[in-house]
C-alpha atoms as a PDB file:
ATOM      1  CA  MET A   1      51.075 109.192 -10.913  1.00  0.00           C
ATOM      2  CA  LYS A   2      49.862 107.848  -7.572  1.00  0.00           C
ATOM      3  CA  LEU A   3      47.315 110.124  -5.917  1.00  0.00           C
ATOM      4  CA  ILE A   4      47.545 110.698  -2.190  1.00  0.00           C
ATOM      5  CA  ASN A   5      44.436 111.347  -0.182  1.00  0.00           C
ATOM      6  CA  ILE A   6      45.507 114.544   1.595  1.00  0.00           C
ATOM      7  CA  PRO A   7      42.481 114.679   3.961  1.00  0.00           C
ATOM      8  CA  ALA A   8      43.117 111.056   4.944  1.00  0.00           C
ATOM      9  CA  ALA A   9      46.798 111.795   5.569  1.00  0.00           C
ATOM     10  CA  ALA A  10      45.856 114.789   7.729  1.00  0.00           C
ATOM     11  CA  ALA A  11      43.321 112.644   9.640  1.00  0.00           C
ATOM     12  CA  LEU A  12      46.005 110.026  10.221  1.00  0.00           C
ATOM     13  CA  LEU A  13      48.391 112.672  11.556  1.00  0.00           C
ATOM     14  CA  THR A  14      45.639 113.956  13.859  1.00  0.00           C
ATOM     15  CA  ALA A  15      44.868 110.453  15.123  1.00  0.00           C
ATOM     16  CA  ILE A  16      48.533 109.768  15.856  1.00  0.00           C
ATOM     17  CA  ALA A  17      49.087 113.159  17.478  1.00  0.00           C
ATOM     18  CA  CYS A  18      46.005 112.772  19.698  1.00  0.00           C
ATOM     19  CA  ALA A  19      46.694 109.203  20.777  1.00  0.00           C
ATOM     20  CA  PRO A  20      47.463 108.724  24.476  1.00  0.00           C
ATOM     21  CA  THR A  21      51.168 108.547  25.363  1.00  0.00           C
ATOM     22  CA  GLY A  22      52.414 104.991  25.155  1.00  0.00           C
ATOM     23  CA  ALA A  23      49.463 103.851  23.043  1.00  0.00           C
ATOM     24  CA  ASP A  24      50.190 101.395  20.263  1.00  0.00           C
ATOM     25  CA  ASN A  25      48.985 103.668  17.492  1.00  0.00           C
ATOM     26  CA  GLY A  26      50.989 102.147  14.670  1.00  0.00           C
ATOM     27  CA  ALA A  27      53.629 104.897  14.614  1.00  0.00           C
ATOM     28  CA  VAL A  28      56.345 102.484  15.710  1.00  0.00           C
ATOM     29  CA  ALA A  29      55.244  99.901  13.147  1.00  0.00           C
ATOM     30  CA  GLN A  30      55.259 102.587  10.426  1.00  0.00           C
ATOM     31  CA  GLU A  31      58.787 103.651  11.351  1.00  0.00           C
ATOM     32  CA  SER A  32      60.184 100.126  11.294  1.00  0.00           C
ATOM     33  CA  ALA A  33      58.519  99.406   7.947  1.00  0.00           C
ATOM     34  CA  ARG A  34      60.126 102.318   6.115  1.00  0.00           C
ATOM     35  CA  THR A  35      62.401 101.640   3.188  1.00  0.00           C
ATOM     36  CA  ALA A  36      65.954 102.980   3.053  1.00  0.00           C
ATOM     37  CA  GLU A  37      64.804 105.474   0.424  1.00  0.00           C
ATOM     38  CA  GLN A  38      61.975 106.716   2.657  1.00  0.00           C
ATOM     39  CA  GLU A  39      64.379 107.106   5.591  1.00  0.00           C
ATOM     40  CA  LYS A  40      66.741 109.072   3.344  1.00  0.00           C
ATOM     41  CA  ASN A  41      63.890 111.323   2.151  1.00  0.00           C
ATOM     42  CA  LEU A  42      62.818 112.005   5.750  1.00  0.00           C
ATOM     43  CA  ALA A  43      66.418 112.753   6.780  1.00  0.00           C
ATOM     44  CA  THR A  44      66.718 115.113   3.800  1.00  0.00           C
ATOM     45  CA  PHE A  45      63.520 116.811   4.930  1.00  0.00           C
ATOM     46  CA  ASP A  46      64.858 117.237   8.483  1.00  0.00           C
ATOM     47  CA  ASP A  47      67.970 118.913   7.044  1.00  0.00           C
ATOM     48  CA  LEU A  48      65.779 121.084   4.806  1.00  0.00           C
ATOM     49  CA  ASP A  49      63.723 122.485   7.687  1.00  0.00           C
ATOM     50  CA  PHE A  50      66.243 122.526  10.545  1.00  0.00           C
ATOM     51  CA  ASN A  51      69.299 123.684   8.584  1.00  0.00           C
ATOM     52  CA  VAL A  52      68.536 124.943   5.074  1.00  0.00           C
ATOM     53  CA  TYR A  53      65.171 126.741   5.546  1.00  0.00           C
ATOM     54  CA  SER A  54      65.901 127.948   9.098  1.00  0.00           C
ATOM     55  CA  GLY A  55      69.388 129.083   8.023  1.00  0.00           C
ATOM     56  CA  GLN A  56      68.066 130.779   4.859  1.00  0.00           C
ATOM     57  CA  LYS A  57      70.529 128.766   2.765  1.00  0.00           C
ATOM     58  CA  TRP A  58      68.678 129.359  -0.500  1.00  0.00           C
ATOM     59  CA  ASP A  59      71.506 127.895  -2.589  1.00  0.00           C
ATOM     60  CA  GLU A  60      71.051 124.504  -0.826  1.00  0.00           C
ATOM     61  CA  PHE A  61      67.360 123.976  -1.623  1.00  0.00           C
ATOM     62  CA  HIS A  62      68.346 121.919  -4.663  1.00  0.00           C
ATOM     63  CA  LYS A  63      69.361 119.133  -2.229  1.00  0.00           C
ATOM     64  CA  SER A  64      65.675 118.547  -1.418  1.00  0.00           C
ATOM     65  CA  HIS A  65      63.714 120.188  -4.255  1.00  0.00           C
ATOM     66  CA  ALA A  66      63.586 119.361  -7.975  1.00  0.00           C
ATOM     67  CA  ASP A  67      64.357 122.229 -10.359  1.00  0.00           C
ATOM     68  CA  LYS A  68      60.769 122.098 -11.671  1.00  0.00           C
ATOM     69  CA  ILE A  69      59.071 121.470  -8.302  1.00  0.00           C
ATOM     70  CA  ILE A  70      55.369 122.230  -8.030  1.00  0.00           C
ATOM     71  CA  VAL A  71      54.480 123.731  -4.634  1.00  0.00           C
ATOM     72  CA  HIS A  72      50.931 124.150  -3.302  1.00  0.00           C
ATOM     73  CA  TYR A  73      50.438 126.785  -0.556  1.00  0.00           C
ATOM     74  CA  PRO A  74      47.768 127.084   2.169  1.00  0.00           C
ATOM     75  CA  ASP A  75      46.086 130.001   0.370  1.00  0.00           C
ATOM     76  CA  GLY A  76      45.484 127.844  -2.718  1.00  0.00           C
ATOM     77  CA  SER A  77      48.253 129.353  -4.830  1.00  0.00           C
ATOM     78  CA  THR A  78      50.844 127.237  -6.636  1.00  0.00           C
ATOM     79  CA  THR A  79      54.360 127.873  -7.867  1.00  0.00           C
ATOM     80  CA  THR A  80      56.298 125.932 -10.474  1.00  0.00           C
ATOM     81  CA  GLY A  81      60.078 125.810 -10.355  1.00  0.00           C
ATOM     82  CA  LEU A  82      62.563 126.235  -7.548  1.00  0.00           C
ATOM     83  CA  PRO A  83      63.317 129.954  -8.198  1.00  0.00           C
ATOM     84  CA  GLU A  84      59.610 130.854  -7.954  1.00  0.00           C
ATOM     85  CA  HIS A  85      59.235 128.779  -4.752  1.00  0.00           C
ATOM     86  CA  LEU A  86      62.202 130.515  -3.139  1.00  0.00           C
ATOM     87  CA  GLU A  87      60.742 133.937  -3.993  1.00  0.00           C
ATOM     88  CA  MET A  88      57.579 132.911  -2.084  1.00  0.00           C
ATOM     89  CA  LEU A  89      59.633 131.883   0.983  1.00  0.00           C
ATOM     90  CA  LYS A  90      62.023 134.807   1.298  1.00  0.00           C
ATOM     91  CA  PRO A  91      59.512 137.501   2.436  1.00  0.00           C
ATOM     92  CA  GLN A  92      58.862 135.514   5.646  1.00  0.00           C
ATOM     93  CA  PHE A  93      62.421 136.248   6.711  1.00  0.00           C
ATOM     94  CA  VAL A  94      62.105 140.000   6.060  1.00  0.00           C
ATOM     95  CA  PHE A  95      59.424 140.638   8.704  1.00  0.00           C
ATOM     96  CA  ALA A  96      60.392 137.654  10.918  1.00  0.00           C
ATOM     97  CA  PRO A  97      64.144 137.146  10.358  1.00  0.00           C
ATOM     98  CA  ASP A  98      64.414 134.729  13.296  1.00  0.00           C
ATOM     99  CA  THR A  99      61.987 132.203  11.758  1.00  0.00           C
ATOM    100  CA  VAL A 100      63.039 128.607  12.430  1.00  0.00           C
ATOM    101  CA  ILE A 101      61.728 125.073  12.400  1.00  0.00           C
ATOM    102  CA  LYS A 102      63.346 123.008  15.163  1.00  0.00           C
ATOM    103  CA  GLU A 103      61.301 119.823  15.365  1.00  0.00           C
ATOM    104  CA  HIS A 104      59.302 117.257  13.407  1.00  0.00           C
ATOM    105  CA  PRO A 105      57.362 115.319  16.045  1.00  0.00           C
ATOM    106  CA  ILE A 106      55.487 113.339  13.394  1.00  0.00           C
ATOM    107  CA  LYS A 107      57.077 111.873  10.259  1.00  0.00           C
ATOM    108  CA  LEU A 108      55.262 109.456   7.944  1.00  0.00           C
ATOM    109  CA  ALA A 109      56.199 107.782   4.680  1.00  0.00           C
ATOM    110  CA  ASP A 110      54.093 105.866   2.156  1.00  0.00           C
ATOM    111  CA  GLY A 111      55.621 104.887  -1.161  1.00  0.00           C
ATOM    112  CA  ALA A 112      57.067 108.014  -2.780  1.00  0.00           C
ATOM    113  CA  TYR A 113      55.318 110.321  -0.288  1.00  0.00           C
ATOM    114  CA  THR A 114      56.353 111.775   3.048  1.00  0.00           C
ATOM    115  CA  ALA A 115      54.276 113.778   5.508  1.00  0.00           C
ATOM    116  CA  VAL A 116      56.081 115.812   8.159  1.00  0.00           C
ATOM    117  CA  GLN A 117      54.441 117.831  10.926  1.00  0.00           C
ATOM    118  CA  GLY A 118      56.424 120.544  12.631  1.00  0.00           C
ATOM    119  CA  PHE A 119      56.341 123.993  14.190  1.00  0.00           C
ATOM    120  CA  MET A 120      57.453 127.245  12.594  1.00  0.00           C
ATOM    121  CA  GLU A 121      58.559 129.812  15.185  1.00  0.00           C
ATOM    122  CA  GLY A 122      59.640 133.425  14.978  1.00  0.00           C
ATOM    123  CA  THR A 123      58.916 137.045  15.858  1.00  0.00           C
ATOM    124  CA  PHE A 124      57.215 139.786  13.828  1.00  0.00           C
ATOM    125  CA  SER A 125      60.127 142.168  14.418  1.00  0.00           C
ATOM    126  CA  ALA A 126      60.527 144.091  11.150  1.00  0.00           C
ATOM    127  CA  PRO A 127      58.131 145.862   8.758  1.00  0.00           C
ATOM    128  CA  MET A 128      55.980 143.607   6.547  1.00  0.00           C
ATOM    129  CA  THR A 129      55.505 144.830   2.980  1.00  0.00           C
ATOM    130  CA  LEU A 130      52.297 143.563   1.383  1.00  0.00           C
ATOM    131  CA  PRO A 131      51.969 142.744  -2.326  1.00  0.00           C
ATOM    132  CA  ASN A 132      50.162 146.064  -2.916  1.00  0.00           C
ATOM    133  CA  GLY A 133      53.155 147.971  -1.498  1.00  0.00           C
ATOM    134  CA  SER A 134      51.580 148.969   1.806  1.00  0.00           C
ATOM    135  CA  VAL A 135      53.630 148.338   4.941  1.00  0.00           C
ATOM    136  CA  ILE A 136      52.548 146.920   8.301  1.00  0.00           C
ATOM    137  CA  GLN A 137      54.750 147.923  11.209  1.00  0.00           C
ATOM    138  CA  PRO A 138      56.034 145.105  13.436  1.00  0.00           C
ATOM    139  CA  THR A 139      54.109 144.176  16.571  1.00  0.00           C
ATOM    140  CA  GLY A 140      57.038 142.434  18.271  1.00  0.00           C
ATOM    141  CA  LYS A 141      54.797 139.416  18.867  1.00  0.00           C
ATOM    142  CA  SER A 142      56.149 135.912  18.490  1.00  0.00           C
ATOM    143  CA  PHE A 143      54.469 132.975  16.783  1.00  0.00           C
ATOM    144  CA  ARG A 144      54.599 129.202  17.050  1.00  0.00           C
ATOM    145  CA  LEU A 145      52.633 127.806  14.175  1.00  0.00           C
ATOM    146  CA  GLY A 146      51.864 124.165  13.550  1.00  0.00           C
ATOM    147  CA  MET A 147      52.507 123.198   9.937  1.00  0.00           C
ATOM    148  CA  LEU A 148      52.385 120.102   7.768  1.00  0.00           C
ATOM    149  CA  THR A 149      54.289 119.358   4.592  1.00  0.00           C
ATOM    150  CA  VAL A 150      53.486 116.499   2.235  1.00  0.00           C
ATOM    151  CA  GLY A 151      56.140 115.747  -0.356  1.00  0.00           C
ATOM    152  CA  ARG A 152      56.172 113.536  -3.448  1.00  0.00           C
ATOM    153  CA  TRP A 153      59.726 112.384  -4.097  1.00  0.00           C
ATOM    154  CA  GLU A 154      61.462 111.466  -7.343  1.00  0.00           C
ATOM    155  CA  ASN A 155      65.161 110.621  -7.581  1.00  0.00           C
ATOM    156  CA  GLY A 156      65.911 111.794  -4.025  1.00  0.00           C
ATOM    157  CA  VAL A 157      64.236 115.217  -4.259  1.00  0.00           C
ATOM    158  CA  MET A 158      60.682 116.489  -3.943  1.00  0.00           C
ATOM    159  CA  ALA A 159      58.955 116.886  -7.282  1.00  0.00           C
ATOM    160  CA  GLU A 160      55.780 118.200  -5.645  1.00  0.00           C
ATOM    161  CA  GLU A 161      55.110 119.706  -2.229  1.00  0.00           C
ATOM    162  CA  TRP A 162      51.925 120.603  -0.323  1.00  0.00           C
ATOM    163  CA  LEU A 163      52.294 123.118   2.534  1.00  0.00           C
ATOM    164  CA  TYR A 164      49.636 123.472   5.242  1.00  0.00           C
ATOM    165  CA  TRP A 165      49.313 125.912   8.127  1.00  0.00           C
ATOM    166  CA  ASP A 166      46.543 128.056   9.552  1.00  0.00           C
ATOM    167  CA  ASN A 167      46.932 131.596   8.215  1.00  0.00           C
ATOM    168  CA  GLN A 168      44.269 132.926  10.615  1.00  0.00           C
ATOM    169  CA  ALA A 169      46.122 131.474  13.622  1.00  0.00           C
ATOM    170  CA  PHE A 170      49.323 133.059  12.292  1.00  0.00           C
ATOM    171  CA  MET A 171      47.666 136.495  11.957  1.00  0.00           C
ATOM    172  CA  ASN A 172      46.198 136.140  15.467  1.00  0.00           C
ATOM    173  CA  GLN A 173      49.563 135.265  16.982  1.00  0.00           C
ATOM    174  CA  ILE A 174      51.426 138.190  15.396  1.00  0.00           C
ATOM    175  CA  GLY A 175      48.705 140.635  16.445  1.00  0.00           C
ATOM    176  CA  LEU A 176      47.146 141.390  13.059  1.00  0.00           C
ATOM    177  CA  ALA A 177      43.777 139.719  13.698  1.00  0.00           C
ATOM    178  CA  GLU A 178      41.601 138.528  16.544  1.00  0.00           C
END
């Protein structure tokens, strides 16, 4: 298995995102050098976020995720298998049912890996039930949270996925922390 240097990939995304407009930062060269398979994987990922995830089409996740997918979350937890991954995603839509991802301003591909940066948006408009059973009442505050997903693809679907976002920024935006 090829190892990907996640900090290096994140640094590359930062360098590209912070480059002056019009600068030759290699993003165009990267795009033109992609293989047909990489382009297909990135298109599949666009559909996943913009259509499947945002539309809560749980029965369509198999189009982008392997049955035995391993998913790594920002809090350090990991799930194995598509059903377990979906159970981790669904609570987001209970307290923020309007959650969507509308754009991927940065998309990279290297071998069997893709890295996609986007923004998750929504509103804390319904009660949030915590794992211990306690309930936090909605604040009505909206969020726009930068996120990054790195995927390792096998046979047209992700076999492993790394999800990154800033949980503290999320809590600040929805009014649960300062």
